[in-house]
Protein backbone atom coordinates (compact mmCIF):
# COMPACT_ATOMS: atom_id res chain seq x y z
CA UNK A 1 5.52 39.49 -14.33
CA UNK A 2 8.77 38.29 -15.89
CA UNK A 3 8.68 35.72 -18.66
CA UNK A 4 8.78 32.08 -17.51
CA UNK A 5 9.56 29.49 -20.17
CA UNK A 6 8.64 25.80 -20.27
CA UNK A 7 12.16 24.62 -19.36
CA UNK A 8 12.28 26.72 -16.21
CA UNK A 9 8.74 25.74 -15.24
CA UNK A 10 9.78 22.10 -15.51
CA UNK A 11 12.88 22.68 -13.38
CA UNK A 12 10.80 24.49 -10.73
CA UNK A 13 8.47 21.50 -10.74
CA UNK A 14 11.42 19.12 -10.25
CA UNK A 15 12.81 21.30 -7.48
CA UNK A 16 9.47 21.05 -5.67
CA UNK A 17 9.54 17.28 -6.09
CA UNK A 18 13.13 16.55 -5.07
CA UNK A 19 14.12 19.42 -2.73
CA UNK A 20 12.36 20.29 0.56
CA UNK A 21 10.39 23.49 -0.11
CA UNK A 22 11.83 23.37 -3.62
CA UNK A 23 15.00 25.13 -2.51
CA UNK A 24 18.53 24.59 -1.24
CA UNK A 25 17.42 25.85 2.16
CA UNK A 26 18.89 29.30 1.52
CA UNK A 27 16.50 31.47 -0.50
CA UNK A 28 12.77 30.88 -0.27
CA UNK A 29 10.87 33.09 -2.72
CA UNK A 30 7.19 33.75 -3.21
CA UNK A 31 5.89 31.03 -5.55
CA UNK A 32 5.10 33.64 -8.20
CA UNK A 33 8.65 35.00 -8.05
CA UNK A 34 10.69 31.79 -7.86
CA UNK A 35 13.28 31.18 -10.55
CA UNK A 36 16.20 28.90 -11.37
CA UNK A 37 19.60 30.55 -11.85
CA UNK A 38 21.42 29.50 -15.01
CA UNK A 39 24.53 31.68 -14.97
CA UNK A 40 26.15 34.81 -13.62
CA UNK A 41 28.64 37.34 -14.94
CA UNK A 42 29.86 40.45 -13.22
CA UNK A 43 27.01 42.10 -11.32
CA UNK A 44 24.26 40.12 -13.07
CA UNK A 45 22.59 36.75 -13.07
CA UNK A 46 20.27 35.14 -15.62
CA UNK A 47 17.53 32.61 -14.99
CA UNK A 48 16.77 29.63 -17.20
CA UNK A 49 14.10 31.63 -19.03
CA UNK A 50 16.65 34.29 -19.96
CA UNK A 51 15.47 37.00 -17.55
CA UNK A 52 18.34 39.23 -16.40
CA UNK A 53 18.77 40.63 -12.89
CA UNK A 54 21.18 43.03 -11.23
CA UNK A 55 22.28 40.84 -8.35
CA UNK A 56 22.61 42.21 -4.81
CA UNK A 57 22.61 38.78 -3.16
CA UNK A 58 25.97 37.97 -4.77
CA UNK A 59 26.04 34.42 -3.45
CA UNK A 60 25.18 35.80 0.02
CA UNK A 61 28.31 37.91 -0.01
CA UNK A 62 31.34 36.00 -1.32
CA UNK A 63 31.15 37.35 -4.87
CA UNK A 64 32.56 40.75 -3.93
CA UNK A 65 34.37 40.91 -7.29
CA UNK A 66 31.28 39.81 -9.20
CA UNK A 67 30.39 36.51 -10.80
CA UNK A 68 33.02 34.72 -12.90
CA UNK A 69 35.69 37.36 -12.34
CA UNK A 70 38.47 36.72 -14.91
CA UNK A 71 41.27 36.64 -12.34
CA UNK A 72 39.44 34.10 -10.20
CA UNK A 73 38.41 31.96 -13.16
CA UNK A 74 42.01 31.89 -14.41
CA UNK A 75 43.35 30.95 -10.97
CA UNK A 76 40.77 28.18 -10.55
CA UNK A 77 41.46 26.66 -13.97
CA UNK A 78 45.19 26.64 -13.27
CA UNK A 79 44.67 25.04 -9.86
CA UNK A 80 42.19 22.38 -10.95
CA UNK A 81 44.44 21.32 -13.81
CA UNK A 82 46.95 20.36 -11.11
CA UNK A 83 44.47 18.25 -9.17
CA UNK A 84 41.17 18.84 -7.38
CA UNK A 85 42.07 17.83 -3.84
CA UNK A 86 44.78 15.97 -1.93
CA UNK A 87 43.83 15.76 1.78
CA UNK A 88 47.50 16.58 2.34
CA UNK A 89 48.90 20.09 2.85
CA UNK A 90 49.13 21.94 -0.45
CA UNK A 91 50.90 25.06 -1.70
CA UNK A 92 47.77 27.18 -2.17
CA UNK A 93 46.61 26.54 1.40
CA UNK A 94 49.97 27.54 2.87
CA UNK A 95 50.04 30.73 0.83
CA UNK A 96 46.48 31.64 1.80
CA UNK A 97 47.20 30.97 5.48
CA UNK A 98 50.15 33.36 5.23
CA UNK A 99 47.91 36.03 3.70
CA UNK A 100 45.24 35.58 6.36
CA UNK A 101 47.82 36.08 9.11
CA UNK A 102 49.03 39.19 7.30
CA UNK A 103 45.50 40.59 6.94
CA UNK A 104 43.53 39.66 10.08
CA UNK A 105 44.70 41.50 13.22
CA UNK A 106 44.11 38.62 15.67
CA UNK A 107 45.48 35.87 13.40
CA UNK A 108 48.69 34.06 14.31
CA UNK A 109 47.63 30.53 13.36
CA UNK A 110 45.06 29.30 10.81
CA UNK A 111 42.94 26.16 10.59
CA UNK A 112 40.84 25.73 7.44
CA UNK A 113 37.29 24.37 7.26
CA UNK A 114 34.77 24.23 4.42
CA UNK A 115 31.97 26.42 5.78
CA UNK A 116 31.26 29.34 8.07
CA UNK A 117 29.13 27.05 10.21
CA UNK A 118 32.08 24.76 10.82
CA UNK A 119 34.51 27.63 11.39
CA UNK A 120 32.28 29.06 14.15
CA UNK A 121 31.70 25.61 15.63
CA UNK A 122 35.45 24.92 15.63
CA UNK A 123 36.19 28.30 17.21
CA UNK A 124 33.84 27.43 20.08
CA UNK A 125 35.39 23.99 20.48
CA UNK A 126 38.95 25.32 20.55
CA UNK A 127 37.92 27.93 23.12
CA UNK A 128 36.39 25.23 25.32
CA UNK A 129 39.54 23.16 25.12
CA UNK A 130 41.69 26.18 25.93
CA UNK A 131 39.52 27.45 28.82
CA UNK A 132 38.51 23.98 30.05
CA UNK A 133 34.97 25.23 30.52
CA UNK A 134 31.69 24.44 28.77
CA UNK A 135 29.42 27.47 28.56
CA UNK A 136 29.34 30.10 25.85
CA UNK A 137 27.64 33.45 25.61
CA UNK A 138 26.09 34.54 22.32
CA UNK A 139 23.78 37.40 21.34
CA UNK A 140 20.07 37.17 20.66
CA UNK A 141 19.43 37.02 16.93
CA UNK A 142 23.11 36.44 16.17
CA UNK A 143 23.76 33.90 13.40
CA UNK A 144 26.85 31.71 13.53
CA UNK A 145 25.80 29.05 11.08
CA UNK A 146 23.56 26.08 11.76
CA UNK A 147 25.23 24.24 14.62
CA UNK A 148 23.13 23.51 17.70
CA UNK A 149 24.87 26.30 19.60
CA UNK A 150 24.27 28.90 16.92
CA UNK A 151 20.61 28.04 16.63
CA UNK A 152 19.86 28.98 20.21
CA UNK A 153 17.85 32.24 20.12
CA UNK A 154 18.48 32.71 16.42
CA UNK A 155 15.88 33.96 16.24
CA UNK A 156 14.11 33.02 19.47
CA UNK A 157 10.63 31.57 19.27
CA UNK A 158 9.98 32.96 22.74
CA UNK A 159 11.45 36.18 24.13
CA UNK A 160 12.85 34.77 27.33
CA UNK A 161 14.42 36.93 30.03
CA UNK A 162 18.19 37.22 29.51
CA UNK A 163 20.35 35.14 29.64
CA UNK A 164 17.92 32.22 29.09
CA UNK A 165 18.20 30.83 25.53
CA UNK A 166 15.45 29.51 23.30
CA UNK A 167 16.00 26.83 20.63
CA UNK A 168 15.26 28.07 17.12
CA UNK A 169 15.15 24.69 15.40
CA UNK A 170 13.89 21.21 15.84
CA UNK A 171 16.45 18.50 16.56
CA UNK A 172 18.50 20.44 19.13
CA UNK A 173 19.23 18.41 22.30
CA UNK A 174 17.75 19.94 25.42
CA UNK A 175 21.18 19.73 27.04
CA UNK A 176 22.47 22.46 24.71
CA UNK A 177 20.35 25.04 26.53
CA UNK A 178 22.40 24.36 29.67
CA UNK A 179 25.59 25.45 27.89
CA UNK A 180 24.42 28.66 26.18
CA UNK A 181 23.78 32.09 27.66
CA UNK A 182 22.18 34.87 25.62
CA UNK A 183 22.66 38.64 25.83
CA UNK A 184 21.14 41.58 23.95
CA UNK A 185 23.30 43.07 21.19
CA UNK A 186 24.38 46.68 21.75
CA UNK A 187 23.56 46.52 25.47
CA UNK A 188 26.96 46.72 27.15
CA UNK A 189 25.58 47.02 30.68
CA UNK A 190 23.38 43.90 30.54
CA UNK A 191 26.08 41.92 28.74
CA UNK A 192 28.75 42.86 31.28
CA UNK A 193 26.46 41.88 34.15
CA UNK A 194 25.84 38.45 32.63
CA UNK A 195 29.56 37.89 32.05
CA UNK A 196 30.51 39.04 35.54
CA UNK A 197 27.96 36.68 37.10
CA UNK A 198 28.98 33.68 34.98
CA UNK A 199 32.66 34.28 34.21
CA UNK A 200 33.88 31.19 36.05
CA UNK A 201 31.78 28.97 33.75
CA UNK A 202 32.30 30.73 30.42
CA UNK A 203 34.56 29.23 27.76
CA UNK A 204 33.98 32.01 25.24
CA UNK A 205 31.86 34.89 24.04
CA UNK A 206 30.96 34.79 20.35
CA UNK A 207 29.55 37.73 18.42
CA UNK A 208 29.04 39.06 14.94
CA UNK A 209 30.75 42.46 15.33
CA UNK A 210 28.06 43.74 12.98
CA UNK A 211 25.12 41.52 13.88
CA UNK A 212 23.21 40.66 10.71
CA UNK A 213 22.18 44.20 9.68
CA UNK A 214 22.81 45.89 13.02
CA UNK A 215 25.92 48.02 13.34
CA UNK A 216 27.50 48.16 16.82
CA UNK A 217 26.83 51.35 18.70
CA UNK A 218 29.91 53.41 19.65
CA UNK A 219 31.76 51.83 22.55
CA UNK A 220 29.83 48.53 22.61
CA UNK A 221 32.53 46.29 21.12
CA UNK A 222 35.21 48.07 23.14
CA UNK A 223 33.25 47.43 26.36
CA UNK A 224 32.82 43.78 25.42
CA UNK A 225 36.54 43.44 24.74
CA UNK A 226 37.35 45.01 28.11
CA UNK A 227 35.14 42.74 30.19
CA UNK A 228 36.20 39.55 28.40
CA UNK A 229 39.87 40.49 28.68
CA UNK A 230 39.42 41.26 32.39
CA UNK A 231 38.12 37.73 33.05
CA UNK A 232 40.46 36.14 30.45
CA UNK A 233 37.50 34.81 28.46
CA UNK A 234 38.27 34.29 24.75
CA UNK A 235 36.34 36.70 22.55
CA UNK A 236 35.34 35.27 19.17
CA UNK A 237 34.39 37.49 16.25
CA UNK A 238 32.27 35.75 13.65
CA UNK A 239 33.52 37.58 10.56
CA UNK A 240 32.14 35.19 7.98
CA UNK A 241 30.17 38.15 6.54
CA UNK A 242 32.29 41.14 7.56
CA UNK A 243 35.71 39.62 6.90
CA UNK A 244 37.36 41.33 3.91
CA UNK A 245 34.14 43.31 3.35
CA UNK A 246 34.18 46.24 5.77
CA UNK A 247 37.96 46.49 5.34
CA UNK A 248 40.78 44.22 4.26
CA UNK A 249 41.30 43.35 7.93
CA UNK A 250 37.56 42.95 8.46
CA UNK A 251 35.39 44.42 11.18
CA UNK A 252 38.20 44.19 13.70
CA UNK A 253 40.23 46.57 11.57
CA UNK A 254 37.25 48.81 10.81
CA UNK A 255 36.04 49.09 14.42
CA UNK A 256 39.47 48.94 16.02
CA UNK A 257 38.71 46.02 18.35
CA UNK A 258 40.83 42.86 18.25
CA UNK A 259 39.31 39.56 19.41
CA UNK A 260 41.15 36.36 20.36
CA UNK A 261 39.65 34.17 17.64
CA UNK A 262 37.93 34.90 14.35
CA UNK A 263 35.87 32.80 11.96
CA UNK A 264 36.18 33.92 8.34
CA UNK A 265 34.58 32.59 5.17
CA UNK A 266 32.62 33.79 2.12
CA UNK A 267 34.94 36.36 0.48
CA UNK A 268 38.18 34.64 1.49
CA UNK A 269 37.10 31.55 -0.48
CA UNK A 270 36.36 33.44 -3.67
CA UNK A 271 33.00 31.73 -4.12
CA UNK A 272 34.17 28.22 -3.22
CA UNK A 273 33.60 26.06 -0.14
CA UNK A 274 36.21 27.47 2.23
CA UNK A 275 36.36 29.06 5.66
CA UNK A 276 38.88 29.28 8.49
CA UNK A 277 39.47 29.75 12.18
CA UNK A 278 42.11 32.41 12.82
CA UNK A 279 43.51 33.16 16.23
CA UNK A 280 46.21 33.76 18.75
CA UNK A 281 48.80 31.00 18.82
CA UNK A 282 48.18 30.27 22.49
CA UNK A 283 44.46 29.67 22.03
CA UNK A 284 45.01 27.68 18.81
CA UNK A 285 47.53 25.40 20.58
CA UNK A 286 45.00 22.60 21.34
CA UNK A 287 45.08 21.82 17.60
CA UNK A 288 48.78 20.96 17.98
CA UNK A 289 49.22 17.46 19.42
CA UNK A 290 52.87 18.23 20.24
CA UNK A 291 51.84 21.09 22.54
CA UNK A 292 48.47 20.08 24.01
CA UNK A 293 47.79 17.53 26.70
CA UNK A 294 45.95 14.47 25.40
CA UNK A 295 42.77 15.53 27.24
CA UNK A 296 42.85 19.00 25.67
CA UNK A 297 43.92 18.10 22.14
CA UNK A 298 41.36 19.00 19.47
CA UNK A 299 41.38 16.80 16.40
CA UNK A 300 39.92 18.50 13.34
CA UNK A 301 39.73 16.58 10.10
CA UNK A 302 37.91 17.49 6.90
CA UNK A 303 38.27 15.90 3.48
CA UNK A 304 38.20 19.29 1.73
CA UNK A 305 39.87 21.46 4.40
CA UNK A 306 42.19 23.88 2.60
CA UNK A 307 41.08 22.59 -0.78
CA UNK A 308 43.63 23.82 -3.36
CA UNK A 309 41.04 25.04 -5.87
CA UNK A 310 39.17 27.02 -3.22
CA UNK A 311 42.41 28.45 -1.80
CA UNK A 312 43.52 29.51 -5.29
CA UNK A 313 40.19 31.32 -5.75
CA UNK A 314 40.65 32.98 -2.37
CA UNK A 315 44.18 34.14 -3.15
CA UNK A 316 43.02 35.64 -6.47
CA UNK A 317 40.11 37.41 -4.79
CA UNK A 318 42.24 38.91 -2.04
CA UNK A 319 44.79 40.12 -4.59
CA UNK A 320 42.05 42.14 -6.31
CA UNK A 321 40.88 43.58 -2.99
CA UNK A 322 44.38 44.81 -2.21
CA UNK A 323 44.30 47.07 -5.27
CA UNK A 324 44.05 50.81 -4.64
CA UNK A 325 40.53 52.15 -4.32
CA UNK A 326 38.76 48.80 -3.94
CA UNK A 327 37.20 49.49 -0.56
CA UNK A 328 36.44 53.11 -1.34
CA UNK A 329 34.39 51.86 -4.30
CA UNK A 330 32.46 49.24 -2.30
CA UNK A 331 31.58 51.79 0.38
CA UNK A 332 30.57 54.37 -2.23
CA UNK A 333 28.24 51.96 -4.05
CA UNK A 334 26.52 51.06 -0.80
CA UNK A 335 26.16 54.69 0.26
CA UNK A 336 24.50 55.68 -3.04
CA UNK A 337 22.00 52.85 -2.75
CA UNK A 338 21.21 53.58 0.90
CA UNK A 339 20.72 57.28 0.23
CA UNK A 340 18.39 56.50 -2.67
CA UNK A 341 16.32 54.08 -0.59
CA UNK A 342 15.93 56.49 2.28
CA UNK A 343 15.12 59.43 -0.01
CA UNK A 344 12.48 57.47 -1.93
CA UNK A 345 10.83 56.29 1.29
CA UNK A 346 10.84 59.80 2.76
CA UNK A 347 9.29 61.28 -0.39
CA UNK A 348 6.60 58.57 -0.39
CA UNK A 349 6.05 59.08 3.36
CA UNK A 350 6.71 55.41 4.09
CA UNK A 351 8.32 54.76 7.50
CA UNK A 352 11.65 53.08 6.79
CA UNK A 353 15.37 53.20 7.47
CA UNK A 354 18.51 51.47 6.26
CA UNK A 355 20.69 49.67 8.78
CA UNK A 356 24.12 48.07 8.78
CA UNK A 357 27.21 49.49 7.09
CA UNK A 358 27.51 50.69 3.49
CA UNK A 359 29.23 47.49 2.22
CA UNK A 360 26.39 45.33 3.62
CA UNK A 361 23.03 46.77 4.63
CA UNK A 362 19.28 46.37 4.42
CA UNK A 363 16.09 48.40 4.57
CA UNK A 364 13.74 47.99 7.53
CA UNK A 365 10.21 49.29 7.23
CA UNK A 366 9.78 50.98 10.58
CA UNK A 367 10.54 54.42 12.00
CA UNK A 368 11.28 53.07 15.49
CA UNK A 369 14.92 53.06 16.65
CA UNK A 370 16.76 49.84 15.79
CA UNK A 371 19.62 48.59 17.96
CA UNK A 372 19.08 44.91 18.79
CA UNK A 373 17.05 41.90 17.70
CA UNK A 374 13.93 42.77 19.69
CA UNK A 375 13.76 46.27 18.24
CA UNK A 376 13.69 44.78 14.72
CA UNK A 377 10.36 43.14 15.57
CA UNK A 378 8.64 46.49 14.95
CA UNK A 379 9.40 46.15 11.23
CA UNK A 380 6.62 45.57 8.71
CA UNK A 381 7.78 42.36 7.06
CA UNK A 382 4.79 42.21 4.73
CA UNK A 383 5.86 45.49 3.11
CA UNK A 384 9.44 44.21 2.90
CA UNK A 385 8.28 41.08 1.06
CA UNK A 386 6.26 43.19 -1.40
CA UNK A 387 9.26 45.45 -1.92
CA UNK A 388 11.53 42.49 -2.76
CA UNK A 389 9.01 41.00 -5.17
CA UNK A 390 8.35 44.29 -6.93
CA UNK A 391 11.99 45.23 -7.46
CA UNK A 392 12.60 41.71 -8.76
CA UNK A 393 9.99 42.39 -11.42
CA UNK A 394 12.08 45.45 -12.27
CA UNK A 395 15.16 43.25 -12.72
CA UNK A 396 16.72 43.82 -9.27
CA UNK A 397 17.43 40.74 -7.15
CA UNK A 398 17.87 40.96 -3.39
CA UNK A 399 18.10 37.97 -1.08
CA UNK A 400 16.07 37.39 2.09
CA UNK A 401 18.15 39.93 4.00
CA UNK A 402 20.94 42.34 3.09
CA UNK A 403 22.12 44.16 0.00
CA UNK A 404 25.69 43.17 -0.88
CA UNK A 405 27.37 45.89 -3.00
CA UNK A 406 30.34 44.66 -5.01
CA UNK A 407 33.18 45.92 -7.16
CA UNK A 408 31.24 44.63 -10.16
CA UNK A 409 28.29 47.00 -9.70
CA UNK A 410 28.66 49.78 -12.25
CA UNK A 411 27.28 53.30 -12.29
CA UNK A 412 24.68 52.10 -14.81
CA UNK A 413 23.68 49.31 -12.40
CA UNK A 414 23.26 51.86 -9.63
CA UNK A 415 21.17 54.15 -11.83
CA UNK A 416 18.92 51.30 -12.91
CA UNK A 417 18.54 50.15 -9.31
CA UNK A 418 17.67 53.64 -8.08
CA UNK A 419 15.07 53.95 -10.85
CA UNK A 420 13.53 50.68 -9.65
CA UNK A 421 13.40 52.01 -6.08
CA UNK A 422 11.69 55.19 -7.26
CA UNK A 423 9.15 53.18 -9.25
CA UNK A 424 8.33 50.62 -6.58
CA UNK A 425 8.43 52.44 -3.25
CA UNK A 426 5.48 54.82 -3.89
CA UNK A 427 3.32 51.72 -4.53
CA UNK A 428 4.03 50.18 -1.13
CA UNK A 429 1.33 52.08 0.79
CA UNK A 430 -1.11 49.62 2.41
């Protein structure tokens, strides 16, 4: 077990007293492995007791340059010295909007929000206003933040026949179920049949182009683009995770499929509260009161939308990602880690596989084929929990799901991580 000092024990006690489940709602750890983060630098974080970890959670993805990257820190200090927020349009927001249009294939207009949840919610709202219809189609197990619409069948409590949704949270109005259809990821035939049957009622189809840790099978996204285009249904890519991670232009650049709207966040905010809806000018027109009818106009107000400090951090982060070799490095780091995981499991004769793409992936402890949410239910989650706890004791921190390689992870980090895998995995036998 790692050392736990009195100060951290006291903070953990306070967290249990003042925070539900003693957490921020994001990372719930085994009680014997809980800790309080004190600081981060580069690829590493330190807890209050001074224990050091190689971090593969990386803020759940946004810290692709590492913690406290000098370029981002410098940009943030310069921005905050000029004022923290204005509510009015600011220079940094305009410059970041220009860069998003330059980078994201579907982007012609930008509207900023402060979270991925809100960006996905806003994308659905703008699609409804544009299409003048109410229903949406999402994919089982797909996560688009914590709005009522996202939390239908994410994950389902009951495996209903498609396209019937199932609420995944308390507090969701029953009426929401009447506006959401659900399809299986990577099943083009079933998805197309649902769309064809319901196309007159659909306002949009929303999808993570790489759903959680499931990469799209060849042809699936292309088939989805074809059927939505045929019926003129806006296709929304939720690229909060994949944006600026799989490629500078995101999953739509990497997979060669261009949606109508995209929600981006995480990396483009440089570690600050920032996200955006990007899309074709025609579909974004309901935001413009000079172009939309009063009944179709979408008002969207947020105190911190396009916050100058967050936009400055985003601009600095994207500038680093445009440097030669950045994406080759991120992919290479992920590939080395995936190969090491799979090799160690094979040598220990433990059924397992890695899924996703090299810049964001996870290990699933099953030998059964994995393609959609229901196929992931064959995984041994008890072994996965033991694996996470044991590598944490070796100084390797992974979040609840996904490894996030970054430009900050060094060759020494990779070697130390692989050594931890080789130490821990042979001990995972039941």
